[in-house]
Amino acid sequence: MNMISVVLGRMGAAVVAANAICQVIDRLCTVVIGGVSNASGIITGNTIGAGDTRFLMVADILFLWLVSVPLGWVGGLVLHWPAWAAMVCLRADYMIKSFWCLSRLKSGKWIHEADGVGRGRRV
């Protein structure tokens, strides 16, 4: 059980039903976008570097548990905000991570050698 379901579940059946529909649409979009991005990586032959997975893990954990879950809990269950406002709070980590990770992407620090040796050799 995730915390988004806990917060939205306490807001009523209509909110839960709306969230279920949104989750299906979200999953469909994720599959399409993932397929297109994987295909573009194969077409362009993008095998030069490996990504910075540790940075992304820290971003996911940090912003989810220190921003989104507390904001959603307070907004949805304590302050009794409407469902759309609680959902914005629960998804605030996406917005914050977008800006933080975009700056990391532009810096180029995320590129690491795919073999892990780090000799500056291209694969």
PDB file of N, CA and C in Angstrom:
ATOM      1  N   MET A   1       0.858  -1.180   0.000  1.00  0.00           N
ATOM      2  CA  MET A   1       0.000   0.000   0.000  1.00  0.00           C
ATOM      3  C   MET A   1       0.896   1.232   0.000  1.00  0.00           C
ATOM      4  N   ASN A   2       0.625   2.149  -0.912  1.00  0.00           N
ATOM      5  CA  ASN A   2       1.451   3.350  -0.913  1.00  0.00           C
ATOM      6  C   ASN A   2       0.729   4.508  -0.235  1.00  0.00           C
ATOM      7  N   MET A   3       1.498   5.517   0.100  1.00  0.00           N
ATOM      8  CA  MET A   3       0.960   6.638   0.876  1.00  0.00           C
ATOM      9  C   MET A   3      -0.046   7.462   0.079  1.00  0.00           C
ATOM     10  N   ILE A   4       0.087   7.497  -1.241  1.00  0.00           N
ATOM     11  CA  ILE A   4      -0.887   8.221  -2.047  1.00  0.00           C
ATOM     12  C   ILE A   4      -2.251   7.569  -1.905  1.00  0.00           C
ATOM     13  N   SER A   5      -2.303   6.248  -1.935  1.00  0.00           N
ATOM     14  CA  SER A   5      -3.568   5.527  -1.759  1.00  0.00           C
ATOM     15  C   SER A   5      -4.156   5.756  -0.380  1.00  0.00           C
ATOM     16  N   VAL A   6      -3.312   5.835   0.630  1.00  0.00           N
ATOM     17  CA  VAL A   6      -3.795   6.076   1.993  1.00  0.00           C
ATOM     18  C   VAL A   6      -4.460   7.443   2.082  1.00  0.00           C
ATOM     19  N   VAL A   7      -3.794   8.458   1.566  1.00  0.00           N
ATOM     20  CA  VAL A   7      -4.349   9.816   1.646  1.00  0.00           C
ATOM     21  C   VAL A   7      -5.627   9.923   0.816  1.00  0.00           C
ATOM     22  N   LEU A   8      -5.584   9.447  -0.437  1.00  0.00           N
ATOM     23  CA  LEU A   8      -6.762   9.565  -1.297  1.00  0.00           C
ATOM     24  C   LEU A   8      -7.902   8.664  -0.827  1.00  0.00           C
ATOM     25  N   GLY A   9      -7.583   7.515  -0.252  1.00  0.00           N
ATOM     26  CA  GLY A   9      -8.616   6.608   0.247  1.00  0.00           C
ATOM     27  C   GLY A   9      -9.439   7.216   1.368  1.00  0.00           C
ATOM     28  N   ARG A  10      -8.835   8.060   2.159  1.00  0.00           N
ATOM     29  CA  ARG A  10      -9.557   8.715   3.250  1.00  0.00           C
ATOM     30  C   ARG A  10     -10.373   9.917   2.785  1.00  0.00           C
ATOM     31  N   MET A  11     -10.228  10.268   1.496  1.00  0.00           N
ATOM     32  CA  MET A  11     -10.962  11.419   0.967  1.00  0.00           C
ATOM     33  C   MET A  11     -12.276  11.026   0.308  1.00  0.00           C
ATOM     34  N   GLY A  12     -12.536   9.721   0.169  1.00  0.00           N
ATOM     35  CA  GLY A  12     -13.823   9.291  -0.363  1.00  0.00           C
ATOM     36  C   GLY A  12     -13.711   8.411  -1.591  1.00  0.00           C
ATOM     37  N   ALA A  13     -14.825   7.731  -1.891  1.00  0.00           N
ATOM     38  CA  ALA A  13     -14.861   6.763  -2.990  1.00  0.00           C
ATOM     39  C   ALA A  13     -14.707   7.430  -4.352  1.00  0.00           C
ATOM     40  N   ALA A  14     -15.257   8.616  -4.531  1.00  0.00           N
ATOM     41  CA  ALA A  14     -15.149   9.303  -5.817  1.00  0.00           C
ATOM     42  C   ALA A  14     -13.702   9.659  -6.126  1.00  0.00           C
ATOM     43  N   VAL A  15     -12.958  10.044  -5.111  1.00  0.00           N
ATOM     44  CA  VAL A  15     -11.541  10.377  -5.296  1.00  0.00           C
ATOM     45  C   VAL A  15     -10.744   9.126  -5.647  1.00  0.00           C
ATOM     46  N   VAL A  16     -11.057   8.017  -4.991  1.00  0.00           N
ATOM     47  CA  VAL A  16     -10.373   6.756  -5.276  1.00  0.00           C
ATOM     48  C   VAL A  16     -10.656   6.309  -6.709  1.00  0.00           C
ATOM     49  N   ALA A  17     -11.892   6.418  -7.148  1.00  0.00           N
ATOM     50  CA  ALA A  17     -12.253   6.032  -8.513  1.00  0.00           C
ATOM     51  C   ALA A  17     -11.554   6.923  -9.545  1.00  0.00           C
ATOM     52  N   ALA A  18     -11.525   8.214  -9.299  1.00  0.00           N
ATOM     53  CA  ALA A  18     -10.851   9.133 -10.218  1.00  0.00           C
ATOM     54  C   ALA A  18      -9.358   8.832 -10.277  1.00  0.00           C
ATOM     55  N   ASN A  19      -8.771   8.509  -9.135  1.00  0.00           N
ATOM     56  CA  ASN A  19      -7.352   8.173  -9.098  1.00  0.00           C
ATOM     57  C   ASN A  19      -7.077   6.880  -9.864  1.00  0.00           C
ATOM     58  N   ALA A  20      -7.972   5.903  -9.789  1.00  0.00           N
ATOM     59  CA  ALA A  20      -7.797   4.645 -10.521  1.00  0.00           C
ATOM     60  C   ALA A  20      -7.779   4.886 -12.031  1.00  0.00           C
ATOM     61  N   ILE A  21      -8.661   5.748 -12.500  1.00  0.00           N
ATOM     62  CA  ILE A  21      -8.687   6.082 -13.925  1.00  0.00           C
ATOM     63  C   ILE A  21      -7.408   6.802 -14.328  1.00  0.00           C
ATOM     64  N   CYS A  22      -6.975   7.737 -13.502  1.00  0.00           N
ATOM     65  CA  CYS A  22      -5.743   8.475 -13.799  1.00  0.00           C
ATOM     66  C   CYS A  22      -4.527   7.561 -13.804  1.00  0.00           C
ATOM     67  N   GLN A  23      -4.510   6.557 -12.934  1.00  0.00           N
ATOM     68  CA  GLN A  23      -3.382   5.618 -12.893  1.00  0.00           C
ATOM     69  C   GLN A  23      -3.306   4.792 -14.172  1.00  0.00           C
ATOM     70  N   VAL A  24      -4.442   4.390 -14.710  1.00  0.00           N
ATOM     71  CA  VAL A  24      -4.449   3.632 -15.962  1.00  0.00           C
ATOM     72  C   VAL A  24      -3.895   4.491 -17.096  1.00  0.00           C
ATOM     73  N   ILE A  25      -4.334   5.729 -17.177  1.00  0.00           N
ATOM     74  CA  ILE A  25      -3.840   6.633 -18.214  1.00  0.00           C
ATOM     75  C   ILE A  25      -2.345   6.892 -18.029  1.00  0.00           C
ATOM     76  N   ASP A  26      -1.923   7.060 -16.795  1.00  0.00           N
ATOM     77  CA  ASP A  26      -0.510   7.275 -16.492  1.00  0.00           C
ATOM     78  C   ASP A  26       0.342   6.088 -16.928  1.00  0.00           C
ATOM     79  N   ARG A  27      -0.128   4.880 -16.666  1.00  0.00           N
ATOM     80  CA  ARG A  27       0.620   3.677 -17.061  1.00  0.00           C
ATOM     81  C   ARG A  27       0.703   3.543 -18.580  1.00  0.00           C
ATOM     82  N   LEU A  28      -0.386   3.853 -19.275  1.00  0.00           N
ATOM     83  CA  LEU A  28      -0.370   3.805 -20.738  1.00  0.00           C
ATOM     84  C   LEU A  28       0.637   4.799 -21.317  1.00  0.00           C
ATOM     85  N   CYS A  29       0.643   6.005 -20.779  1.00  0.00           N
ATOM     86  CA  CYS A  29       1.593   7.017 -21.244  1.00  0.00           C
ATOM     87  C   CYS A  29       3.028   6.603 -20.938  1.00  0.00           C
ATOM     88  N   THR A  30       3.241   6.001 -19.784  1.00  0.00           N
ATOM     89  CA  THR A  30       4.581   5.538 -19.411  1.00  0.00           C
ATOM     90  C   THR A  30       5.084   4.476 -20.379  1.00  0.00           C
ATOM     91  N   VAL A  31       4.216   3.553 -20.757  1.00  0.00           N
ATOM     92  CA  VAL A  31       4.608   2.499 -21.693  1.00  0.00           C
ATOM     93  C   VAL A  31       4.951   3.096 -23.056  1.00  0.00           C
ATOM     94  N   VAL A  32       4.132   4.013 -23.543  1.00  0.00           N
ATOM     95  CA  VAL A  32       4.385   4.619 -24.850  1.00  0.00           C
ATOM     96  C   VAL A  32       5.679   5.426 -24.833  1.00  0.00           C
ATOM     97  N   ILE A  33       5.852   6.266 -23.839  1.00  0.00           N
ATOM     98  CA  ILE A  33       7.050   7.102 -23.759  1.00  0.00           C
ATOM     99  C   ILE A  33       8.294   6.238 -23.573  1.00  0.00           C
ATOM    100  N   GLY A  34       8.194   5.201 -22.735  1.00  0.00           N
ATOM    101  CA  GLY A  34       9.326   4.297 -22.544  1.00  0.00           C
ATOM    102  C   GLY A  34       9.699   3.568 -23.810  1.00  0.00           C
ATOM    103  N   GLY A  35       8.713   3.124 -24.566  1.00  0.00           N
ATOM    104  CA  GLY A  35       8.981   2.447 -25.826  1.00  0.00           C
ATOM    105  C   GLY A  35       9.648   3.345 -26.846  1.00  0.00           C
ATOM    106  N   VAL A  36       9.162   4.572 -26.949  1.00  0.00           N
ATOM    107  CA  VAL A  36       9.754   5.516 -27.904  1.00  0.00           C
ATOM    108  C   VAL A  36      11.189   5.866 -27.493  1.00  0.00           C
ATOM    109  N   SER A  37      11.423   6.070 -26.201  1.00  0.00           N
ATOM    110  CA  SER A  37      12.779   6.427 -25.772  1.00  0.00           C
ATOM    111  C   SER A  37      13.743   5.264 -25.949  1.00  0.00           C
ATOM    112  N   ASN A  38      13.301   4.035 -25.685  1.00  0.00           N
ATOM    113  CA  ASN A  38      14.172   2.877 -25.913  1.00  0.00           C
ATOM    114  C   ASN A  38      14.475   2.708 -27.397  1.00  0.00           C
ATOM    115  N   ALA A  39      13.465   2.905 -28.233  1.00  0.00           N
ATOM    116  CA  ALA A  39      13.684   2.791 -29.666  1.00  0.00           C
ATOM    117  C   ALA A  39      14.650   3.860 -30.168  1.00  0.00           C
ATOM    118  N   SER A  40      14.525   5.064 -29.671  1.00  0.00           N
ATOM    119  CA  SER A  40      15.431   6.127 -30.118  1.00  0.00           C
ATOM    120  C   SER A  40      16.857   5.856 -29.661  1.00  0.00           C
ATOM    121  N   GLY A  41      17.027   5.250 -28.483  1.00  0.00           N
ATOM    122  CA  GLY A  41      18.367   4.880 -28.032  1.00  0.00           C
ATOM    123  C   GLY A  41      18.991   3.825 -28.919  1.00  0.00           C
ATOM    124  N   ILE A  42      18.189   2.892 -29.376  1.00  0.00           N
ATOM    125  CA  ILE A  42      18.689   1.842 -30.255  1.00  0.00           C
ATOM    126  C   ILE A  42      19.024   2.420 -31.634  1.00  0.00           C
ATOM    127  N   ILE A  43      18.157   3.283 -32.141  1.00  0.00           N
ATOM    128  CA  ILE A  43      18.364   3.856 -33.475  1.00  0.00           C
ATOM    129  C   ILE A  43      19.621   4.718 -33.502  1.00  0.00           C
ATOM    130  N   THR A  44      19.853   5.513 -32.481  1.00  0.00           N
ATOM    131  CA  THR A  44      21.010   6.408 -32.471  1.00  0.00           C
ATOM    132  C   THR A  44      22.278   5.720 -31.995  1.00  0.00           C
ATOM    133  N   GLY A  45      22.171   4.502 -31.496  1.00  0.00           N
ATOM    134  CA  GLY A  45      23.351   3.781 -31.027  1.00  0.00           C
ATOM    135  C   GLY A  45      23.934   4.391 -29.775  1.00  0.00           C
ATOM    136  N   ASN A  46      23.094   4.794 -28.861  1.00  0.00           N
ATOM    137  CA  ASN A  46      23.503   5.491 -27.650  1.00  0.00           C
ATOM    138  C   ASN A  46      24.031   4.494 -26.614  1.00  0.00           C
ATOM    139  N   THR A  47      25.295   4.085 -26.778  1.00  0.00           N
ATOM    140  CA  THR A  47      25.900   3.150 -25.821  1.00  0.00           C
ATOM    141  C   THR A  47      27.189   3.701 -25.251  1.00  0.00           C
ATOM    142  N   ILE A  48      27.376   5.002 -25.309  1.00  0.00           N
ATOM    143  CA  ILE A  48      28.636   5.602 -24.867  1.00  0.00           C
ATOM    144  C   ILE A  48      28.767   5.616 -23.351  1.00  0.00           C
ATOM    145  N   GLY A  49      27.723   5.969 -22.627  1.00  0.00           N
ATOM    146  CA  GLY A  49      27.858   6.100 -21.185  1.00  0.00           C
ATOM    147  C   GLY A  49      26.729   5.454 -20.429  1.00  0.00           C
ATOM    148  N   ALA A  50      26.944   5.279 -19.154  1.00  0.00           N
ATOM    149  CA  ALA A  50      25.913   4.750 -18.267  1.00  0.00           C
ATOM    150  C   ALA A  50      25.406   5.898 -17.404  1.00  0.00           C
ATOM    151  N   GLY A  51      24.178   5.803 -16.941  1.00  0.00           N
ATOM    152  CA  GLY A  51      23.570   6.884 -16.178  1.00  0.00           C
ATOM    153  C   GLY A  51      23.968   6.915 -14.726  1.00  0.00           C
ATOM    154  N   ASP A  52      23.618   7.985 -14.075  1.00  0.00           N
ATOM    155  CA  ASP A  52      23.942   8.214 -12.667  1.00  0.00           C
ATOM    156  C   ASP A  52      22.765   7.739 -11.812  1.00  0.00           C
ATOM    157  N   THR A  53      22.696   6.448 -11.556  1.00  0.00           N
ATOM    158  CA  THR A  53      21.555   5.875 -10.857  1.00  0.00           C
ATOM    159  C   THR A  53      21.524   6.257  -9.383  1.00  0.00           C
ATOM    160  N   ARG A  54      22.664   6.446  -8.772  1.00  0.00           N
ATOM    161  CA  ARG A  54      22.699   6.820  -7.346  1.00  0.00           C
ATOM    162  C   ARG A  54      22.066   8.193  -7.140  1.00  0.00           C
ATOM    163  N   PHE A  55      22.367   9.124  -8.022  1.00  0.00           N
ATOM    164  CA  PHE A  55      21.796  10.470  -7.941  1.00  0.00           C
ATOM    165  C   PHE A  55      20.278  10.411  -8.041  1.00  0.00           C
ATOM    166  N   LEU A  56      19.763   9.619  -8.983  1.00  0.00           N
ATOM    167  CA  LEU A  56      18.320   9.501  -9.162  1.00  0.00           C
ATOM    168  C   LEU A  56      17.650   8.822  -7.975  1.00  0.00           C
ATOM    169  N   MET A  57      18.316   7.828  -7.380  1.00  0.00           N
ATOM    170  CA  MET A  57      17.756   7.164  -6.209  1.00  0.00           C
ATOM    171  C   MET A  57      17.635   8.143  -5.040  1.00  0.00           C
ATOM    172  N   VAL A  58      18.671   8.930  -4.822  1.00  0.00           N
ATOM    173  CA  VAL A  58      18.637   9.925  -3.743  1.00  0.00           C
ATOM    174  C   VAL A  58      17.528  10.944  -4.007  1.00  0.00           C
ATOM    175  N   ALA A  59      17.400  11.395  -5.266  1.00  0.00           N
ATOM    176  CA  ALA A  59      16.353  12.358  -5.605  1.00  0.00           C
ATOM    177  C   ALA A  59      14.970  11.768  -5.348  1.00  0.00           C
ATOM    178  N   ASP A  60      14.754  10.518  -5.746  1.00  0.00           N
ATOM    179  CA  ASP A  60      13.456   9.873  -5.531  1.00  0.00           C
ATOM    180  C   ASP A  60      13.116   9.779  -4.050  1.00  0.00           C
ATOM    181  N   ILE A  61      14.021   9.261  -3.265  1.00  0.00           N
ATOM    182  CA  ILE A  61      13.764   9.057  -1.836  1.00  0.00           C
ATOM    183  C   ILE A  61      13.628  10.391  -1.110  1.00  0.00           C
ATOM    184  N   LEU A  62      14.540  11.304  -1.380  1.00  0.00           N
ATOM    185  CA  LEU A  62      14.548  12.591  -0.684  1.00  0.00           C
ATOM    186  C   LEU A  62      13.258  13.377  -0.901  1.00  0.00           C
ATOM    187  N   PHE A  63      12.896  13.570  -2.165  1.00  0.00           N
ATOM    188  CA  PHE A  63      11.741  14.419  -2.442  1.00  0.00           C
ATOM    189  C   PHE A  63      10.407  13.721  -2.174  1.00  0.00           C
ATOM    190  N   LEU A  64      10.351  12.409  -2.310  1.00  0.00           N
ATOM    191  CA  LEU A  64       9.111  11.701  -2.012  1.00  0.00           C
ATOM    192  C   LEU A  64       8.805  11.748  -0.521  1.00  0.00           C
ATOM    193  N   TRP A  65       9.774  11.358   0.303  1.00  0.00           N
ATOM    194  CA  TRP A  65       9.504  11.210   1.739  1.00  0.00           C
ATOM    195  C   TRP A  65       9.672  12.491   2.540  1.00  0.00           C
ATOM    196  N   LEU A  66      10.381  13.471   2.007  1.00  0.00           N
ATOM    197  CA  LEU A  66      10.545  14.722   2.747  1.00  0.00           C
ATOM    198  C   LEU A  66       9.655  15.848   2.238  1.00  0.00           C
ATOM    199  N   VAL A  67       9.090  15.687   1.030  1.00  0.00           N
ATOM    200  CA  VAL A  67       8.252  16.743   0.474  1.00  0.00           C
ATOM    201  C   VAL A  67       6.837  16.233   0.193  1.00  0.00           C
ATOM    202  N   SER A  68       6.693  15.290  -0.734  1.00  0.00           N
ATOM    203  CA  SER A  68       5.370  14.906  -1.224  1.00  0.00           C
ATOM    204  C   SER A  68       4.480  14.249  -0.183  1.00  0.00           C
ATOM    205  N   VAL A  69       4.998  13.243   0.497  1.00  0.00           N
ATOM    206  CA  VAL A  69       4.163  12.535   1.474  1.00  0.00           C
ATOM    207  C   VAL A  69       3.740  13.453   2.621  1.00  0.00           C
ATOM    208  N   PRO A  70       4.655  14.209   3.241  1.00  0.00           N
ATOM    209  CA  PRO A  70       4.184  15.127   4.298  1.00  0.00           C
ATOM    210  C   PRO A  70       3.217  16.196   3.793  1.00  0.00           C
ATOM    211  N   LEU A  71       3.479  16.773   2.612  1.00  0.00           N
ATOM    212  CA  LEU A  71       2.565  17.782   2.069  1.00  0.00           C
ATOM    213  C   LEU A  71       1.190  17.189   1.775  1.00  0.00           C
ATOM    214  N   GLY A  72       1.169  16.010   1.166  1.00  0.00           N
ATOM    215  CA  GLY A  72      -0.100  15.353   0.859  1.00  0.00           C
ATOM    216  C   GLY A  72      -0.871  14.983   2.103  1.00  0.00           C
ATOM    217  N   TRP A  73      -0.167  14.502   3.100  1.00  0.00           N
ATOM    218  CA  TRP A  73      -0.814  14.116   4.359  1.00  0.00           C
ATOM    219  C   TRP A  73      -1.449  15.339   5.030  1.00  0.00           C
ATOM    220  N   VAL A  74      -0.678  16.407   5.132  1.00  0.00           N
ATOM    221  CA  VAL A  74      -1.192  17.623   5.779  1.00  0.00           C
ATOM    222  C   VAL A  74      -2.307  18.248   4.941  1.00  0.00           C
ATOM    223  N   GLY A  75      -2.085  18.384   3.637  1.00  0.00           N
ATOM    224  CA  GLY A  75      -3.092  19.016   2.785  1.00  0.00           C
ATOM    225  C   GLY A  75      -4.371  18.214   2.681  1.00  0.00           C
ATOM    226  N   GLY A  76      -4.259  16.892   2.513  1.00  0.00           N
ATOM    227  CA  GLY A  76      -5.443  16.071   2.304  1.00  0.00           C
ATOM    228  C   GLY A  76      -6.163  15.654   3.564  1.00  0.00           C
ATOM    229  N   LEU A  77      -5.393  15.331   4.611  1.00  0.00           N
ATOM    230  CA  LEU A  77      -6.028  14.774   5.810  1.00  0.00           C
ATOM    231  C   LEU A  77      -6.146  15.744   6.977  1.00  0.00           C
ATOM    232  N   VAL A  78      -5.234  16.689   7.077  1.00  0.00           N
ATOM    233  CA  VAL A  78      -5.293  17.635   8.192  1.00  0.00           C
ATOM    234  C   VAL A  78      -6.073  18.888   7.805  1.00  0.00           C
ATOM    235  N   LEU A  79      -5.731  19.466   6.666  1.00  0.00           N
ATOM    236  CA  LEU A  79      -6.379  20.709   6.237  1.00  0.00           C
ATOM    237  C   LEU A  79      -7.632  20.472   5.392  1.00  0.00           C
ATOM    238  N   HIS A  80      -7.874  19.213   4.984  1.00  0.00           N
ATOM    239  CA  HIS A  80      -9.053  18.821   4.199  1.00  0.00           C
ATOM    240  C   HIS A  80      -9.198  19.630   2.912  1.00  0.00           C
ATOM    241  N   TRP A  81      -8.076  19.780   2.207  1.00  0.00           N
ATOM    242  CA  TRP A  81      -8.099  20.449   0.915  1.00  0.00           C
ATOM    243  C   TRP A  81      -8.846  19.587  -0.083  1.00  0.00           C
ATOM    244  N   PRO A  82      -9.312  20.167  -1.199  1.00  0.00           N
ATOM    245  CA  PRO A  82      -9.970  19.357  -2.240  1.00  0.00           C
ATOM    246  C   PRO A  82      -8.986  18.351  -2.838  1.00  0.00           C
ATOM    247  N   ALA A  83      -9.537  17.358  -3.520  1.00  0.00           N
ATOM    248  CA  ALA A  83      -8.725  16.263  -4.052  1.00  0.00           C
ATOM    249  C   ALA A  83      -7.647  16.748  -5.011  1.00  0.00           C
ATOM    250  N   TRP A  84      -7.955  17.721  -5.856  1.00  0.00           N
ATOM    251  CA  TRP A  84      -6.954  18.188  -6.820  1.00  0.00           C
ATOM    252  C   TRP A  84      -5.763  18.827  -6.112  1.00  0.00           C
ATOM    253  N   ALA A  85      -6.026  19.574  -5.025  1.00  0.00           N
ATOM    254  CA  ALA A  85      -4.936  20.220  -4.282  1.00  0.00           C
ATOM    255  C   ALA A  85      -4.095  19.185  -3.542  1.00  0.00           C
ATOM    256  N   ALA A  86      -4.753  18.173  -2.970  1.00  0.00           N
ATOM    257  CA  ALA A  86      -4.013  17.106  -2.299  1.00  0.00           C
ATOM    258  C   ALA A  86      -3.159  16.335  -3.298  1.00  0.00           C
ATOM    259  N   MET A  87      -3.684  16.121  -4.495  1.00  0.00           N
ATOM    260  CA  MET A  87      -2.932  15.401  -5.518  1.00  0.00           C
ATOM    261  C   MET A  87      -1.730  16.215  -5.997  1.00  0.00           C
ATOM    262  N   VAL A  88      -1.879  17.520  -6.100  1.00  0.00           N
ATOM    263  CA  VAL A  88      -0.741  18.372  -6.456  1.00  0.00           C
ATOM    264  C   VAL A  88       0.347  18.248  -5.394  1.00  0.00           C
ATOM    265  N   CYS A  89      -0.055  18.231  -4.135  1.00  0.00           N
ATOM    266  CA  CYS A  89       0.905  18.056  -3.050  1.00  0.00           C
ATOM    267  C   CYS A  89       1.581  16.690  -3.125  1.00  0.00           C
ATOM    268  N   LEU A  90       0.797  15.653  -3.408  1.00  0.00           N
ATOM    269  CA  LEU A  90       1.347  14.300  -3.470  1.00  0.00           C
ATOM    270  C   LEU A  90       2.265  14.101  -4.670  1.00  0.00           C
ATOM    271  N   ARG A  91       2.117  14.899  -5.689  1.00  0.00           N
ATOM    272  CA  ARG A  91       2.971  14.809  -6.878  1.00  0.00           C
ATOM    273  C   ARG A  91       3.993  15.939  -6.946  1.00  0.00           C
ATOM    274  N   ALA A  92       4.163  16.680  -5.880  1.00  0.00           N
ATOM    275  CA  ALA A  92       5.115  17.796  -5.869  1.00  0.00           C
ATOM    276  C   ALA A  92       6.539  17.319  -6.110  1.00  0.00           C
ATOM    277  N   ASP A  93       6.838  16.087  -5.726  1.00  0.00           N
ATOM    278  CA  ASP A  93       8.201  15.576  -5.943  1.00  0.00           C
ATOM    279  C   ASP A  93       8.543  15.501  -7.424  1.00  0.00           C
ATOM    280  N   TYR A  94       7.571  15.237  -8.284  1.00  0.00           N
ATOM    281  CA  TYR A  94       7.839  15.187  -9.717  1.00  0.00           C
ATOM    282  C   TYR A  94       8.296  16.551 -10.223  1.00  0.00           C
ATOM    283  N   MET A  95       7.625  17.588  -9.777  1.00  0.00           N
ATOM    284  CA  MET A  95       7.970  18.927 -10.232  1.00  0.00           C
ATOM    285  C   MET A  95       9.355  19.337  -9.740  1.00  0.00           C
ATOM    286  N   ILE A  96       9.637  19.068  -8.468  1.00  0.00           N
ATOM    287  CA  ILE A  96      10.933  19.440  -7.901  1.00  0.00           C
ATOM    288  C   ILE A  96      12.052  18.618  -8.530  1.00  0.00           C
ATOM    289  N   LYS A  97      11.824  17.302  -8.674  1.00  0.00           N
ATOM    290  CA  LYS A  97      12.843  16.438  -9.284  1.00  0.00           C
ATOM    291  C   LYS A  97      13.118  16.832 -10.723  1.00  0.00           C
ATOM    292  N   SER A  98      12.110  17.305 -11.435  1.00  0.00           N
ATOM    293  CA  SER A  98      12.310  17.711 -12.827  1.00  0.00           C
ATOM    294  C   SER A  98      13.350  18.813 -12.935  1.00  0.00           C
ATOM    295  N   PHE A  99      13.238  19.817 -12.092  1.00  0.00           N
ATOM    296  CA  PHE A  99      14.190  20.923 -12.147  1.00  0.00           C
ATOM    297  C   PHE A  99      15.576  20.496 -11.659  1.00  0.00           C
ATOM    298  N   TRP A 100      15.607  19.710 -10.578  1.00  0.00           N
ATOM    299  CA  TRP A 100      16.882  19.267 -10.008  1.00  0.00           C
ATOM    300  C   TRP A 100      17.624  18.349 -10.980  1.00  0.00           C
ATOM    301  N   CYS A 101      16.894  17.410 -11.563  1.00  0.00           N
ATOM    302  CA  CYS A 101      17.520  16.463 -12.482  1.00  0.00           C
ATOM    303  C   CYS A 101      17.856  17.112 -13.820  1.00  0.00           C
ATOM    304  N   LEU A 102      17.091  18.109 -14.235  1.00  0.00           N
ATOM    305  CA  LEU A 102      17.412  18.826 -15.465  1.00  0.00           C
ATOM    306  C   LEU A 102      18.738  19.559 -15.328  1.00  0.00           C
ATOM    307  N   SER A 103      18.986  20.148 -14.171  1.00  0.00           N
ATOM    308  CA  SER A 103      20.279  20.811 -13.963  1.00  0.00           C
ATOM    309  C   SER A 103      21.413  19.790 -13.974  1.00  0.00           C
ATOM    310  N   ARG A 104      21.174  18.595 -13.431  1.00  0.00           N
ATOM    311  CA  ARG A 104      22.183  17.533 -13.468  1.00  0.00           C
ATOM    312  C   ARG A 104      22.428  17.078 -14.908  1.00  0.00           C
ATOM    313  N   LEU A 105      21.366  16.964 -15.677  1.00  0.00           N
ATOM    314  CA  LEU A 105      21.490  16.549 -17.071  1.00  0.00           C
ATOM    315  C   LEU A 105      22.299  17.560 -17.879  1.00  0.00           C
ATOM    316  N   LYS A 106      22.010  18.849 -17.692  1.00  0.00           N
ATOM    317  CA  LYS A 106      22.719  19.889 -18.427  1.00  0.00           C
ATOM    318  C   LYS A 106      24.189  19.967 -18.036  1.00  0.00           C
ATOM    319  N   SER A 107      24.523  19.614 -16.790  1.00  0.00           N
ATOM    320  CA  SER A 107      25.912  19.697 -16.337  1.00  0.00           C
ATOM    321  C   SER A 107      26.791  18.613 -16.955  1.00  0.00           C
ATOM    322  N   GLY A 108      26.189  17.491 -17.379  1.00  0.00           N
ATOM    323  CA  GLY A 108      26.956  16.404 -17.965  1.00  0.00           C
ATOM    324  C   GLY A 108      27.604  15.490 -16.938  1.00  0.00           C
ATOM    325  N   LYS A 109      27.392  15.749 -15.654  1.00  0.00           N
ATOM    326  CA  LYS A 109      27.992  14.927 -14.600  1.00  0.00           C
ATOM    327  C   LYS A 109      27.388  13.532 -14.509  1.00  0.00           C
ATOM    328  N   TRP A 110      26.273  13.315 -15.168  1.00  0.00           N
ATOM    329  CA  TRP A 110      25.587  12.027 -15.087  1.00  0.00           C
ATOM    330  C   TRP A 110      26.220  10.970 -15.971  1.00  0.00           C
ATOM    331  N   ILE A 111      27.087  11.364 -16.883  1.00  0.00           N
ATOM    332  CA  ILE A 111      27.692  10.410 -17.813  1.00  0.00           C
ATOM    333  C   ILE A 111      28.872   9.711 -17.143  1.00  0.00           C
ATOM    334  N   HIS A 112      28.822   8.393 -17.097  1.00  0.00           N
ATOM    335  CA  HIS A 112      29.887   7.561 -16.555  1.00  0.00           C
ATOM    336  C   HIS A 112      30.218   6.491 -17.584  1.00  0.00           C
ATOM    337  N   GLU A 113      31.416   5.981 -17.521  1.00  0.00           N
ATOM    338  CA  GLU A 113      31.803   4.910 -18.426  1.00  0.00           C
ATOM    339  C   GLU A 113      30.940   3.681 -18.186  1.00  0.00           C
ATOM    340  N   ALA A 114      30.492   3.052 -19.256  1.00  0.00           N
ATOM    341  CA  ALA A 114      29.604   1.897 -19.158  1.00  0.00           C
ATOM    342  C   ALA A 114      30.288   0.682 -18.558  1.00  0.00           C
ATOM    343  N   ASP A 115      31.616   0.559 -18.703  1.00  0.00           N
ATOM    344  CA  ASP A 115      32.308  -0.610 -18.164  1.00  0.00           C
ATOM    345  C   ASP A 115      32.698  -0.426 -16.709  1.00  0.00           C
ATOM    346  N   GLY A 116      32.552   0.761 -16.161  1.00  0.00           N
ATOM    347  CA  GLY A 116      32.834   1.010 -14.755  1.00  0.00           C
ATOM    348  C   GLY A 116      34.290   1.253 -14.453  1.00  0.00           C
ATOM    349  N   VAL A 117      35.162   1.157 -15.437  1.00  0.00           N
ATOM    350  CA  VAL A 117      36.597   1.315 -15.195  1.00  0.00           C
ATOM    351  C   VAL A 117      36.952   2.790 -15.072  1.00  0.00           C
ATOM    352  N   GLY A 118      36.358   3.622 -15.905  1.00  0.00           N
ATOM    353  CA  GLY A 118      36.562   5.060 -15.804  1.00  0.00           C
ATOM    354  C   GLY A 118      37.899   5.533 -16.351  1.00  0.00           C
ATOM    355  N   ARG A 119      38.403   4.924 -17.401  1.00  0.00           N
ATOM    356  CA  ARG A 119      39.681   5.312 -17.993  1.00  0.00           C
ATOM    357  C   ARG A 119      39.522   6.378 -19.066  1.00  0.00           C
ATOM    358  N   GLY A 120      38.329   6.870 -19.265  1.00  0.00           N
ATOM    359  CA  GLY A 120      38.099   7.858 -20.304  1.00  0.00           C
ATOM    360  C   GLY A 120      37.968   7.220 -21.685  1.00  0.00           C
ATOM    361  N   ARG A 121      37.912   5.931 -21.737  1.00  0.00           N
ATOM    362  CA  ARG A 121      37.825   5.183 -22.985  1.00  0.00           C
ATOM    363  C   ARG A 121      36.365   5.111 -23.419  1.00  0.00           C
ATOM    364  N   ARG A 122      36.110   5.354 -24.703  1.00  0.00           N
ATOM    365  CA  ARG A 122      34.754   5.254 -25.242  1.00  0.00           C
ATOM    366  C   ARG A 122      34.454   3.803 -25.597  1.00  0.00           C
ATOM    367  N   VAL A 123      33.237   3.385 -25.347  1.00  0.00           N
ATOM    368  CA  VAL A 123      32.833   2.003 -25.649  1.00  0.00           C
ATOM    369  C   VAL A 123      32.377   1.903 -27.073  1.00  0.00           C
TER     370      VAL A 123
END
